[in-house]
Protein backbone atom coordinates (compact mmCIF):
# COMPACT_ATOMS: atom_id res chain seq x y z
CA UNK A 1 0.04 0.12 0.06
CA UNK A 2 1.37 3.33 -0.90
CA UNK A 3 0.67 5.54 1.69
CA UNK A 4 1.12 8.82 -0.36
CA UNK A 5 -2.01 7.88 -2.47
CA UNK A 6 -4.12 7.67 0.81
CA UNK A 7 -6.59 10.47 0.69
CA UNK A 8 -9.80 11.75 2.55
CA UNK A 9 -12.92 10.90 0.70
CA UNK A 10 -15.07 13.69 2.02
CA UNK A 11 -13.79 17.17 2.66
CA UNK A 12 -16.30 19.97 3.63
CA UNK A 13 -13.89 22.65 3.11
CA UNK A 14 -13.61 23.63 -0.63
CA UNK A 15 -10.44 25.60 -0.22
CA UNK A 16 -11.79 28.91 -1.56
CA UNK A 17 -13.34 30.57 1.61
CA UNK A 18 -16.62 28.25 1.08
CA UNK A 19 -17.96 25.01 2.31
CA UNK A 20 -20.30 22.48 1.39
CA UNK A 21 -22.67 20.55 3.27
CA UNK A 22 -22.74 17.83 5.09
CA UNK A 23 -19.64 19.22 6.86
CA UNK A 24 -19.14 15.61 8.24
CA UNK A 25 -20.37 12.66 6.26
CA UNK A 26 -20.05 10.55 9.40
CA UNK A 27 -22.72 9.25 11.90
CA UNK A 28 -22.31 11.79 14.64
CA UNK A 29 -25.72 11.50 15.70
CA UNK A 30 -27.49 14.05 17.81
CA UNK A 31 -24.63 16.80 17.78
CA UNK A 32 -24.22 19.62 20.43
CA UNK A 33 -21.64 22.33 20.11
CA UNK A 34 -20.03 24.99 22.26
CA UNK A 35 -17.47 27.39 21.76
CA UNK A 36 -15.06 28.32 24.41
CA UNK A 37 -12.42 31.25 23.49
CA UNK A 38 -11.47 30.30 19.71
CA UNK A 39 -12.05 26.56 20.22
CA UNK A 40 -15.58 24.71 19.09
CA UNK A 41 -16.30 21.31 20.73
CA UNK A 42 -18.93 18.91 19.73
CA UNK A 43 -20.45 15.67 21.12
CA UNK A 44 -22.53 13.25 19.63
CA UNK A 45 -24.52 10.01 20.58
CA UNK A 46 -22.80 6.65 20.62
CA UNK A 47 -25.48 4.05 21.76
CA UNK A 48 -23.74 0.91 22.86
CA UNK A 49 -20.51 1.39 21.21
CA UNK A 50 -17.31 1.90 23.20
CA UNK A 51 -15.41 4.35 23.90
CA UNK A 52 -18.44 6.30 24.37
CA UNK A 53 -19.56 9.75 23.41
CA UNK A 54 -16.92 11.02 20.97
CA UNK A 55 -15.79 14.76 21.69
CA UNK A 56 -14.69 16.57 18.60
CA UNK A 57 -12.77 19.91 18.27
CA UNK A 58 -12.66 22.75 15.62
CA UNK A 59 -11.20 25.87 15.14
CA UNK A 60 -13.59 27.21 12.08
CA UNK A 61 -16.77 24.99 12.69
CA UNK A 62 -16.22 23.33 9.36
CA UNK A 63 -12.78 21.09 9.91
CA UNK A 64 -13.02 18.68 12.94
CA UNK A 65 -11.29 16.10 14.32
CA UNK A 66 -12.11 13.57 17.22
CA UNK A 67 -9.81 14.40 20.30
CA UNK A 68 -11.23 12.26 23.23
CA UNK A 69 -14.35 10.25 24.38
CA UNK A 70 -16.46 11.28 27.40
CA UNK A 71 -16.51 7.53 28.78
CA UNK A 72 -13.97 4.77 28.03
CA UNK A 73 -16.91 2.08 28.84
CA UNK A 74 -20.44 2.29 29.61
CA UNK A 75 -20.85 1.98 33.52
CA UNK A 76 -23.25 -1.12 33.50
CA UNK A 77 -22.28 -5.03 32.86
CA UNK A 78 -25.38 -5.11 30.59
CA UNK A 79 -23.19 -3.43 27.86
CA UNK A 80 -20.58 -6.03 27.94
CA UNK A 81 -22.69 -7.45 24.94
CA UNK A 82 -23.95 -5.40 22.28
CA UNK A 83 -27.45 -3.46 23.20
CA UNK A 84 -28.38 -2.13 19.94
CA UNK A 85 -30.42 1.04 20.25
CA UNK A 86 -29.43 1.68 23.93
CA UNK A 87 -26.47 3.09 25.71
CA UNK A 88 -25.44 6.61 25.47
CA UNK A 89 -28.14 8.67 23.74
CA UNK A 90 -28.15 12.45 22.78
CA UNK A 91 -25.61 14.18 25.24
CA UNK A 92 -24.93 17.87 25.66
CA UNK A 93 -21.81 19.85 26.51
CA UNK A 94 -21.43 23.15 28.28
CA UNK A 95 -18.76 25.09 29.68
CA UNK A 96 -18.97 26.81 33.10
CA UNK A 97 -16.63 28.17 35.33
CA UNK A 98 -13.30 26.69 33.89
CA UNK A 99 -14.96 23.19 33.69
CA UNK A 100 -16.26 21.24 30.67
CA UNK A 101 -19.46 19.01 31.55
CA UNK A 102 -21.06 16.53 29.33
CA UNK A 103 -24.59 15.14 30.21
CA UNK A 104 -25.22 11.81 28.89
CA UNK A 105 -28.51 9.94 28.96
CA UNK A 106 -28.83 6.21 29.03
CA UNK A 107 -32.44 5.72 28.56
CA UNK A 108 -32.64 2.62 30.76
CA UNK A 109 -30.44 3.44 33.63
CA UNK A 110 -30.53 7.39 34.03
CA UNK A 111 -28.64 10.73 33.48
CA UNK A 112 -24.92 10.85 33.95
CA UNK A 113 -22.50 13.54 33.82
CA UNK A 114 -18.77 13.76 33.09
CA UNK A 115 -16.43 16.74 33.49
CA UNK A 116 -13.20 17.87 32.60
CA UNK A 117 -10.77 20.75 32.78
CA UNK A 118 -9.21 19.67 29.27
CA UNK A 119 -11.16 17.76 26.91
CA UNK A 120 -7.96 17.10 25.05
CA UNK A 121 -6.63 15.02 28.33
CA UNK A 122 -9.83 13.02 28.93
CA UNK A 123 -12.86 13.07 31.40
CA UNK A 124 -13.45 12.29 34.86
CA UNK A 125 -15.49 9.32 36.04
CA UNK A 126 -19.17 9.46 35.32
CA UNK A 127 -21.61 10.72 37.98
CA UNK A 128 -25.19 9.92 38.18
CA UNK A 129 -27.49 12.76 38.20
CA UNK A 130 -30.73 11.34 38.14
CA UNK A 131 -31.31 7.33 38.34
CA UNK A 132 -34.35 6.78 36.23
CA UNK A 133 -35.84 5.13 32.92
CA UNK A 134 -36.95 7.11 30.08
CA UNK A 135 -35.35 10.88 30.78
CA UNK A 136 -33.64 11.56 27.75
CA UNK A 137 -31.83 14.32 25.92
CA UNK A 138 -30.72 16.32 29.18
CA UNK A 139 -28.96 19.54 28.63
CA UNK A 140 -27.78 21.70 31.64
CA UNK A 141 -27.76 25.55 31.77
CA UNK A 142 -26.34 28.10 34.44
CA UNK A 143 -28.49 31.27 34.67
CA UNK A 144 -26.74 34.75 35.81
CA UNK A 145 -27.46 34.10 39.32
CA UNK A 146 -25.57 30.75 39.46
CA UNK A 147 -28.68 28.56 39.65
CA UNK A 148 -28.37 25.45 37.50
CA UNK A 149 -31.19 23.81 35.51
CA UNK A 150 -31.62 20.84 33.12
CA UNK A 151 -33.91 20.64 30.14
CA UNK A 152 -34.94 17.16 29.32
CA UNK A 153 -37.41 15.18 27.13
CA UNK A 154 -39.20 11.68 27.49
CA UNK A 155 -38.83 8.37 25.54
CA UNK A 156 -42.29 6.83 24.83
CA UNK A 157 -40.65 3.29 24.63
CA UNK A 158 -39.77 3.88 28.24
CA UNK A 159 -42.49 5.77 29.98
CA UNK A 160 -45.52 5.68 27.66
CA UNK A 161 -45.49 9.40 26.36
CA UNK A 162 -43.27 11.91 24.60
CA UNK A 163 -43.54 15.24 22.96
CA UNK A 164 -43.05 16.68 26.36
CA UNK A 165 -39.91 18.78 27.70
CA UNK A 166 -39.40 19.31 31.25
CA UNK A 167 -37.00 21.59 33.49
CA UNK A 168 -35.36 20.46 36.80
CA UNK A 169 -33.33 22.50 39.03
CA UNK A 170 -29.78 21.14 39.67
CA UNK A 171 -27.05 21.68 42.23
CA UNK A 172 -24.27 24.26 41.51
CA UNK A 173 -21.90 21.41 40.61
CA UNK A 174 -24.37 19.64 38.52
CA UNK A 175 -24.11 16.44 40.20
CA UNK A 176 -27.80 15.98 41.37
CA UNK A 177 -31.41 17.33 41.00
CA UNK A 178 -32.86 19.92 43.31
CA UNK A 179 -36.48 18.48 43.19
CA UNK A 180 -38.24 16.80 40.10
CA UNK A 181 -39.03 20.41 38.38
CA UNK A 182 -41.94 20.63 36.15
CA UNK A 183 -43.07 20.32 32.65
CA UNK A 184 -42.49 23.65 30.49
CA UNK A 185 -44.12 22.55 27.14
CA UNK A 186 -46.27 20.18 25.71
CA UNK A 187 -45.78 19.56 21.83
CA UNK A 188 -48.37 16.81 21.37
CA UNK A 189 -50.71 18.95 19.35
CA UNK A 190 -48.41 21.41 17.57
CA UNK A 191 -44.83 19.96 17.83
CA UNK A 192 -45.41 16.13 17.97
CA UNK A 193 -42.21 14.16 19.07
CA UNK A 194 -40.36 17.30 19.95
CA UNK A 195 -37.16 16.10 21.98
CA UNK A 196 -33.46 16.79 21.92
CA UNK A 197 -33.74 20.42 23.72
CA UNK A 198 -31.09 22.68 24.19
CA UNK A 199 -31.37 25.62 26.66
CA UNK A 200 -29.95 29.01 26.17
CA UNK A 201 -30.46 32.83 27.44
CA UNK A 202 -30.14 35.92 25.09
CA UNK A 203 -31.48 39.29 25.67
CA UNK A 204 -33.82 38.19 28.88
CA UNK A 205 -35.34 35.46 26.90
CA UNK A 206 -34.59 31.83 27.72
CA UNK A 207 -34.81 29.87 24.52
CA UNK A 208 -35.31 25.98 24.10
CA UNK A 209 -34.16 24.96 20.49
CA UNK A 210 -35.44 21.32 19.83
CA UNK A 211 -36.52 19.33 16.74
CA UNK A 212 -40.20 18.19 16.09
CA UNK A 213 -42.01 16.07 13.79
CA UNK A 214 -39.60 12.95 13.70
CA UNK A 215 -36.08 12.53 12.49
CA UNK A 216 -37.02 11.67 8.78
CA UNK A 217 -39.77 14.35 8.08
CA UNK A 218 -39.51 16.67 11.00
CA UNK A 219 -38.37 20.48 11.36
CA UNK A 220 -36.57 22.62 13.87
CA UNK A 221 -38.68 24.54 16.66
CA UNK A 222 -37.52 26.98 18.86
CA UNK A 223 -39.28 28.31 22.21
CA UNK A 224 -39.01 31.57 24.13
CA UNK A 225 -40.04 32.90 27.48
CA UNK A 226 -39.12 35.82 29.80
CA UNK A 227 -39.36 33.13 32.67
CA UNK A 228 -37.51 29.90 32.67
CA UNK A 229 -40.84 27.95 33.71
CA UNK A 230 -42.75 29.53 30.86
CA UNK A 231 -45.07 29.90 29.19
CA UNK A 232 -43.06 29.52 25.98
CA UNK A 233 -44.16 30.85 22.81
CA UNK A 234 -43.26 28.50 19.79
CA UNK A 235 -41.78 29.04 16.31
CA UNK A 236 -40.67 26.86 13.50
CA UNK A 237 -37.52 28.27 12.10
CA UNK A 238 -35.95 25.44 9.68
CA UNK A 239 -37.70 23.22 7.38
CA UNK A 240 -36.36 20.94 4.40
CA UNK A 241 -38.00 23.13 2.13
CA UNK A 242 -36.94 22.41 -1.55
CA UNK A 243 -33.69 20.98 -0.59
CA UNK A 244 -32.62 17.39 -0.20
CA UNK A 245 -31.74 17.78 3.50
CA UNK A 246 -34.60 15.91 5.12
CA UNK A 247 -35.37 16.26 8.78
CA UNK A 248 -33.70 18.72 9.37
CA UNK A 249 -33.12 17.23 12.91
CA UNK A 250 -31.61 17.92 16.57
CA UNK A 251 -28.79 20.20 16.66
CA UNK A 252 -27.26 23.57 18.41
CA UNK A 253 -26.67 27.17 18.13
CA UNK A 254 -23.28 28.39 18.55
CA UNK A 255 -21.62 31.95 17.87
CA UNK A 256 -18.33 32.78 16.99
CA UNK A 257 -16.01 35.43 18.58
CA UNK A 258 -16.53 37.63 15.57
CA UNK A 259 -20.32 38.04 16.22
CA UNK A 260 -21.65 35.44 13.91
CA UNK A 261 -24.32 33.02 14.77
CA UNK A 262 -24.59 29.34 13.46
CA UNK A 263 -26.61 26.34 14.02
CA UNK A 264 -25.30 22.71 13.50
CA UNK A 265 -27.61 19.96 13.01
CA UNK A 266 -27.96 16.41 11.63
CA UNK A 267 -29.67 14.72 8.65
CA UNK A 268 -30.73 10.90 8.48
CA UNK A 269 -29.35 9.64 5.24
CA UNK A 270 -30.24 5.98 6.25
CA UNK A 271 -26.78 3.57 5.78
CA UNK A 272 -24.48 6.36 5.95
CA UNK A 273 -26.16 7.47 9.30
CA UNK A 274 -26.91 10.84 10.85
CA UNK A 275 -24.50 13.08 9.22
CA UNK A 276 -23.78 16.77 9.88
CA UNK A 277 -24.82 20.11 8.54
CA UNK A 278 -23.81 23.74 9.30
CA UNK A 279 -26.43 26.34 8.71
CA UNK A 280 -26.01 30.23 8.76
CA UNK A 281 -28.22 31.88 11.49
CA UNK A 282 -29.08 35.33 12.55
CA UNK A 283 -31.60 37.32 14.89
CA UNK A 284 -35.03 39.08 14.01
CA UNK A 285 -37.21 40.21 16.60
CA UNK A 286 -35.51 38.19 19.24
CA UNK A 287 -36.24 35.06 16.95
CA UNK A 288 -33.52 33.02 15.32
CA UNK A 289 -33.52 32.62 11.42
CA UNK A 290 -31.91 29.56 10.27
CA UNK A 291 -30.75 28.76 6.94
CA UNK A 292 -31.62 30.70 3.79
CA UNK A 293 -34.97 31.56 1.69
CA UNK A 294 -37.00 32.49 4.68
CA UNK A 295 -40.84 32.53 4.45
CA UNK A 296 -42.69 35.41 5.76
CA UNK A 297 -42.87 33.56 9.08
CA UNK A 298 -39.29 33.67 9.35
CA UNK A 299 -38.64 29.78 8.66
CA UNK A 300 -35.58 29.04 6.52
CA UNK A 301 -34.35 26.01 4.42
CA UNK A 302 -30.79 24.42 4.52
CA UNK A 303 -27.94 25.55 2.47
CA UNK A 304 -25.73 23.19 0.45
CA UNK A 305 -22.75 25.40 0.15
CA UNK A 306 -22.06 28.78 1.89
CA UNK A 307 -19.21 31.12 2.95
CA UNK A 308 -17.40 29.77 5.78
CA UNK A 309 -17.58 30.99 9.23
CA UNK A 310 -15.64 34.32 10.04
CA UNK A 311 -13.66 33.23 12.91
CA UNK A 312 -10.82 35.69 12.34
CA UNK A 313 -8.30 33.36 10.79
CA UNK A 314 -7.68 30.65 8.46
CA UNK A 315 -7.08 27.19 9.42
CA UNK A 316 -5.87 23.82 7.93
CA UNK A 317 -8.29 21.78 6.17
CA UNK A 318 -9.01 18.37 7.96
CA UNK A 319 -11.56 15.57 8.59
CA UNK A 320 -11.81 12.93 11.12
CA UNK A 321 -9.38 9.93 11.00
CA UNK A 322 -10.29 6.89 9.08
CA UNK A 323 -7.58 4.89 7.40
CA UNK A 324 -5.00 3.23 10.00
CA UNK A 325 -1.59 1.72 9.49
CA UNK A 326 -1.57 0.67 13.16
CA UNK A 327 1.27 2.65 14.57
CA UNK A 328 1.78 4.08 17.95
CA UNK A 329 0.65 2.14 21.19
CA UNK A 330 -2.91 2.84 21.28
CA UNK A 331 -5.83 2.46 18.79
CA UNK A 332 -6.92 5.41 16.67
CA UNK A 333 -9.74 7.46 17.78
CA UNK A 334 -11.96 6.73 14.79
CA UNK A 335 -12.49 3.19 16.26
CA UNK A 336 -15.10 1.91 18.53
CA UNK A 337 -15.93 -1.65 19.56
CA UNK A 338 -19.57 -3.21 19.39
CA UNK A 339 -19.75 -3.07 23.22
CA UNK A 340 -17.96 -2.54 26.43
CA UNK A 341 -14.34 -3.63 25.50
CA UNK A 342 -11.29 -5.19 27.27
CA UNK A 343 -7.80 -3.87 26.78
CA UNK A 344 -7.06 -7.73 26.06
CA UNK A 345 -8.76 -8.04 22.95
CA UNK A 346 -5.91 -6.21 21.03
CA UNK A 347 -2.30 -5.25 20.98
CA UNK A 348 -0.12 -2.73 18.92
CA UNK A 349 3.42 -2.97 17.93
CA UNK A 350 5.76 -2.41 15.07
CA UNK A 351 4.14 -5.09 13.29
CA UNK A 352 0.60 -3.64 13.36
CA UNK A 353 -2.63 -4.53 15.13
CA UNK A 354 -3.07 -7.87 16.67
CA UNK A 355 -6.80 -8.98 17.39
CA UNK A 356 -6.80 -11.88 19.67
CA UNK A 357 -9.60 -14.19 18.82
CA UNK A 358 -12.32 -14.04 21.65
CA UNK A 359 -14.70 -17.07 22.49
CA UNK A 360 -18.30 -16.80 21.12
CA UNK A 361 -21.14 -18.69 22.50
CA UNK A 362 -22.58 -21.13 19.65
CA UNK A 363 -25.57 -19.65 17.76
CA UNK A 364 -24.28 -15.92 18.53
CA UNK A 365 -25.15 -14.03 15.42
CA UNK A 366 -22.38 -11.79 13.96
CA UNK A 367 -23.77 -8.60 14.82
CA UNK A 368 -24.18 -9.63 18.43
CA UNK A 369 -20.37 -10.25 18.83
CA UNK A 370 -18.97 -7.83 21.46
CA UNK A 371 -15.46 -7.22 19.95
CA UNK A 372 -16.15 -6.09 16.66
CA UNK A 373 -13.58 -3.34 15.88
CA UNK A 374 -15.77 -0.63 14.08
CA UNK A 375 -15.57 2.70 12.28
CA UNK A 376 -18.09 4.72 10.44
CA UNK A 377 -18.53 5.36 6.81
CA UNK A 378 -16.75 8.61 5.76
CA UNK A 379 -18.67 8.74 2.39
CA UNK A 380 -21.58 7.55 0.43
CA UNK A 381 -19.15 5.48 -1.70
CA UNK A 382 -15.82 3.94 -1.16
CA UNK A 383 -13.72 0.75 -0.69
CA UNK A 384 -11.45 -0.47 2.13
CA UNK A 385 -8.46 -2.34 1.84
CA UNK A 386 -6.71 -4.27 4.35
CA UNK A 387 -3.65 -6.53 4.77
CA UNK A 388 -3.87 -9.39 7.32
CA UNK A 389 -1.63 -12.22 8.45
CA UNK A 390 -3.52 -15.33 9.37
CA UNK A 391 -0.58 -17.45 10.23
CA UNK A 392 -1.11 -17.51 14.05
CA UNK A 393 -4.94 -18.66 13.93
CA UNK A 394 -6.01 -21.82 15.90
CA UNK A 395 -8.39 -24.41 15.12
CA UNK A 396 -11.94 -22.78 15.66
CA UNK A 397 -10.88 -19.40 14.87
CA UNK A 398 -12.77 -17.16 12.54
CA UNK A 399 -11.19 -13.84 11.47
CA UNK A 400 -12.21 -11.14 8.84
CA UNK A 401 -13.73 -7.95 7.83
CA UNK A 402 -17.34 -7.12 8.62
CA UNK A 403 -20.08 -4.71 7.54
CA UNK A 404 -22.22 -4.15 10.23
CA UNK A 405 -25.79 -2.63 10.05
CA UNK A 406 -29.53 -3.93 10.00
CA UNK A 407 -28.39 -6.24 7.35
CA UNK A 408 -24.50 -7.41 7.86
CA UNK A 409 -22.41 -9.39 6.28
CA UNK A 410 -18.70 -10.27 6.38
CA UNK A 411 -15.84 -11.88 4.60
CA UNK A 412 -13.55 -14.07 6.83
CA UNK A 413 -11.35 -16.95 7.15
CA UNK A 414 -12.26 -20.05 9.42
CA UNK A 415 -9.85 -22.57 10.57
CA UNK A 416 -11.86 -25.92 10.66
CA UNK A 417 -10.55 -29.48 10.48
CA UNK A 418 -6.91 -28.24 9.87
CA UNK A 419 -7.90 -26.24 6.98
CA UNK A 420 -8.62 -22.62 6.23
CA UNK A 421 -11.46 -21.45 4.22
CA UNK A 422 -13.07 -18.46 3.11
CA UNK A 423 -16.57 -17.99 4.92
CA UNK A 424 -19.51 -15.26 4.65
CA UNK A 425 -22.07 -14.59 7.16
CA UNK A 426 -25.07 -12.60 6.49
CA UNK A 427 -28.32 -11.78 8.28
CA UNK A 428 -30.77 -9.43 9.47
CA UNK A 429 -30.51 -7.78 13.03
CA UNK A 430 -33.00 -9.46 15.25
CA UNK A 431 -34.49 -11.84 12.76
CA UNK A 432 -32.36 -14.95 13.66
CA UNK A 433 -31.74 -15.68 9.72
CA UNK A 434 -28.20 -15.49 9.54
CA UNK A 435 -26.50 -17.84 7.13
CA UNK A 436 -23.07 -18.97 6.49
CA UNK A 437 -21.55 -19.97 2.97
CA UNK A 438 -18.33 -21.70 2.86
CA UNK A 439 -16.43 -20.51 0.01
CA UNK A 440 -12.97 -21.27 -1.48
CA UNK A 441 -10.11 -22.66 0.36
CA UNK A 442 -7.35 -20.09 1.66
CA UNK A 443 -3.94 -20.59 -0.18
CA UNK A 444 -1.69 -18.33 1.91
CA UNK A 445 -1.73 -16.83 5.44
CA UNK A 446 -0.92 -13.40 4.15
CA UNK A 447 -3.55 -11.93 2.11
CA UNK A 448 -5.75 -8.73 1.28
CA UNK A 449 -9.35 -8.48 2.02
CA UNK A 450 -11.29 -5.59 0.27
CA UNK A 451 -14.98 -4.31 0.86
CA UNK A 452 -16.68 -2.02 -1.65
CA UNK A 453 -19.65 0.13 -0.84
CA UNK A 454 -21.51 1.40 -3.94
CA UNK A 455 -24.48 3.70 -4.38
CA UNK A 456 -24.50 3.99 -0.23
CA UNK A 457 -26.02 0.50 0.05
CA UNK A 458 -24.50 -2.22 -2.05
CA UNK A 459 -21.81 -4.00 -0.40
CA UNK A 460 -19.43 -6.60 -1.97
CA UNK A 461 -16.31 -8.49 -0.95
CA UNK A 462 -12.83 -9.35 -2.75
CA UNK A 463 -9.94 -10.99 -1.56
CA UNK A 464 -6.26 -10.99 -3.13
CA UNK A 465 -2.82 -12.74 -2.65
CA UNK A 466 -0.62 -9.92 -4.29
CA UNK A 467 -2.94 -6.64 -3.90
CA UNK A 468 -3.21 -6.42 -7.57
CA UNK A 469 -5.44 -9.37 -8.58
CA UNK A 470 -8.71 -9.24 -7.04
CA UNK A 471 -11.43 -12.20 -6.55
CA UNK A 472 -14.94 -11.61 -5.87
CA UNK A 473 -15.94 -13.43 -2.93
CA UNK A 474 -19.30 -14.54 -1.35
CA UNK A 475 -22.47 -12.52 -2.31
CA UNK A 476 -23.28 -8.85 -2.67
CA UNK A 477 -25.40 -7.58 -0.09
CA UNK A 478 -27.88 -4.72 0.17
CA UNK A 479 -26.93 -3.02 3.43
CA UNK A 480 -29.58 -1.38 5.79
CA UNK A 481 -29.12 0.96 8.77
CA UNK A 482 -28.92 -0.44 12.18
CA UNK A 483 -30.89 0.56 15.43
CA UNK A 484 -30.71 4.64 14.86
CA UNK A 485 -27.24 4.27 13.52
CA UNK A 486 -25.41 3.94 10.11
CA UNK A 487 -23.42 0.82 8.72
CA UNK A 488 -20.15 0.42 10.09
CA UNK A 489 -16.91 -1.46 8.78
CA UNK A 490 -14.15 -2.87 10.46
CA UNK A 491 -12.39 -6.10 11.42
CA UNK A 492 -12.76 -8.92 14.15
CA UNK A 493 -11.52 -12.14 15.48
CA UNK A 494 -13.47 -14.72 17.31
CA UNK A 495 -13.04 -18.26 18.45
CA UNK A 496 -15.77 -20.67 18.02
CA UNK A 497 -15.33 -22.32 21.61
CA UNK A 498 -15.22 -21.59 25.17
CA UNK A 499 -11.66 -20.52 25.45
CA UNK A 500 -9.49 -17.89 23.59
CA UNK A 501 -8.19 -18.82 20.36
CA UNK A 502 -5.15 -17.56 18.44
CA UNK A 503 -5.03 -14.05 16.54
CA UNK A 504 -5.21 -12.36 13.49
CA UNK A 505 -2.68 -9.44 12.78
CA UNK A 506 -3.76 -6.49 10.65
CA UNK A 507 -1.09 -4.29 8.90
CA UNK A 508 -3.24 -1.39 7.59
CA UNK A 509 -7.01 -0.46 7.02
CA UNK A 510 -7.27 1.88 4.36
CA UNK A 511 -10.20 3.82 2.91
CA UNK A 512 -9.88 4.41 -1.00
CA UNK A 513 -12.05 6.07 -3.77
CA UNK A 514 -14.23 3.28 -5.43
CA UNK A 515 -12.93 1.61 -8.52
CA UNK A 516 -14.40 -0.58 -10.92
């Protein structure tokens, strides 16, 4: 693999003072953003994947990098196995008196808080703010008098209702609630499924930014009141309009040090997940106007290209990491596991990444294997090339490359009866319909695996012994999204038995432009 030819597949910064949406073609669901000085920080949902809750950094709101995770693992043993759709839901990040706070809802366990003086250096252990089920999307807020509050929503799947926003008083250090608070808005009639609230204050008004109408076809609503407890006026400020940006869903208002206002939100594109858009914003009559082409009611629609934010300087073009040559002593921040992970699952040295084959119980579907090492799609079309060494496999090991979604598939090598053979498993999450196809015998221990993703849905696999001549393997799969997440790609090593097996070594995992 020629490293000099490795390139990014999606760059939002056009290099001429403009940008294109999405600014991140990555599944960073439910984003929240703040500015601290000249730095912008973003957090997003991660569900059952760990490390949990990615923290991203930018200098200009367009070019972003992952810098840390809020939690190394989720604080319950139930997440030692994949719990698709559960785990860390929509978080919120705030900065108060020298400390960064992230509020993280686990819909079945409660609302948790982590804090840090420096997000680049990591986060303290999580504190349970409220032990409960069904309270979701919490956002803390400190008023001018120092009183802290939390706005939140509710999951109908846990408590039997939704479309309601709630405000609770918090202790000044945000470690607990001071009473149950009260409902401040019921959107069941005018703003159905309102959720994801973010609480702000400006010009004497309290504002709650919140999406309504559902992820696929909804809109952005803003509420305002002179009293934090309401009553709140309501206004729809952003719709899809004539654009291809459906939703547009949950996000956050952020300003620049130069006085501009911007709004970041996600769009659900299915297999690619919930990708991130940046919209211009300004104020009229103490209401925000988001996007362009506003109607007479002040509701705008998303932009596809626009002038970059004025942040007082020009910064380097970048995007989150993806391709990996497995150098250094720790995994890159682009990687997450399919559940709570153990450090003994992998190793890194001068020879690359070692994945130790972990035992899996008979009948475990591939989508429910904990030690799948995964990362997000970086574009709607691409291919991945990985160089692997299988010489240390043991009888009963299965090692290979995986595409994980609602419809999942792999291309792997199984060592059975003393012979290594290519196998492919595919199935639908939760349908117990997984099938395995035994393909041809493997001729060499060192080989190359390739996955192609075409038209954001068609997944196919190939193998090669010389990195030049590629052979199609298995069947083409029509990918589908996971539970509120896009499709992920990665590597894995398991052992069909009760004890650990051998291992697979990976020398690189590289995203490339799609070739014929």
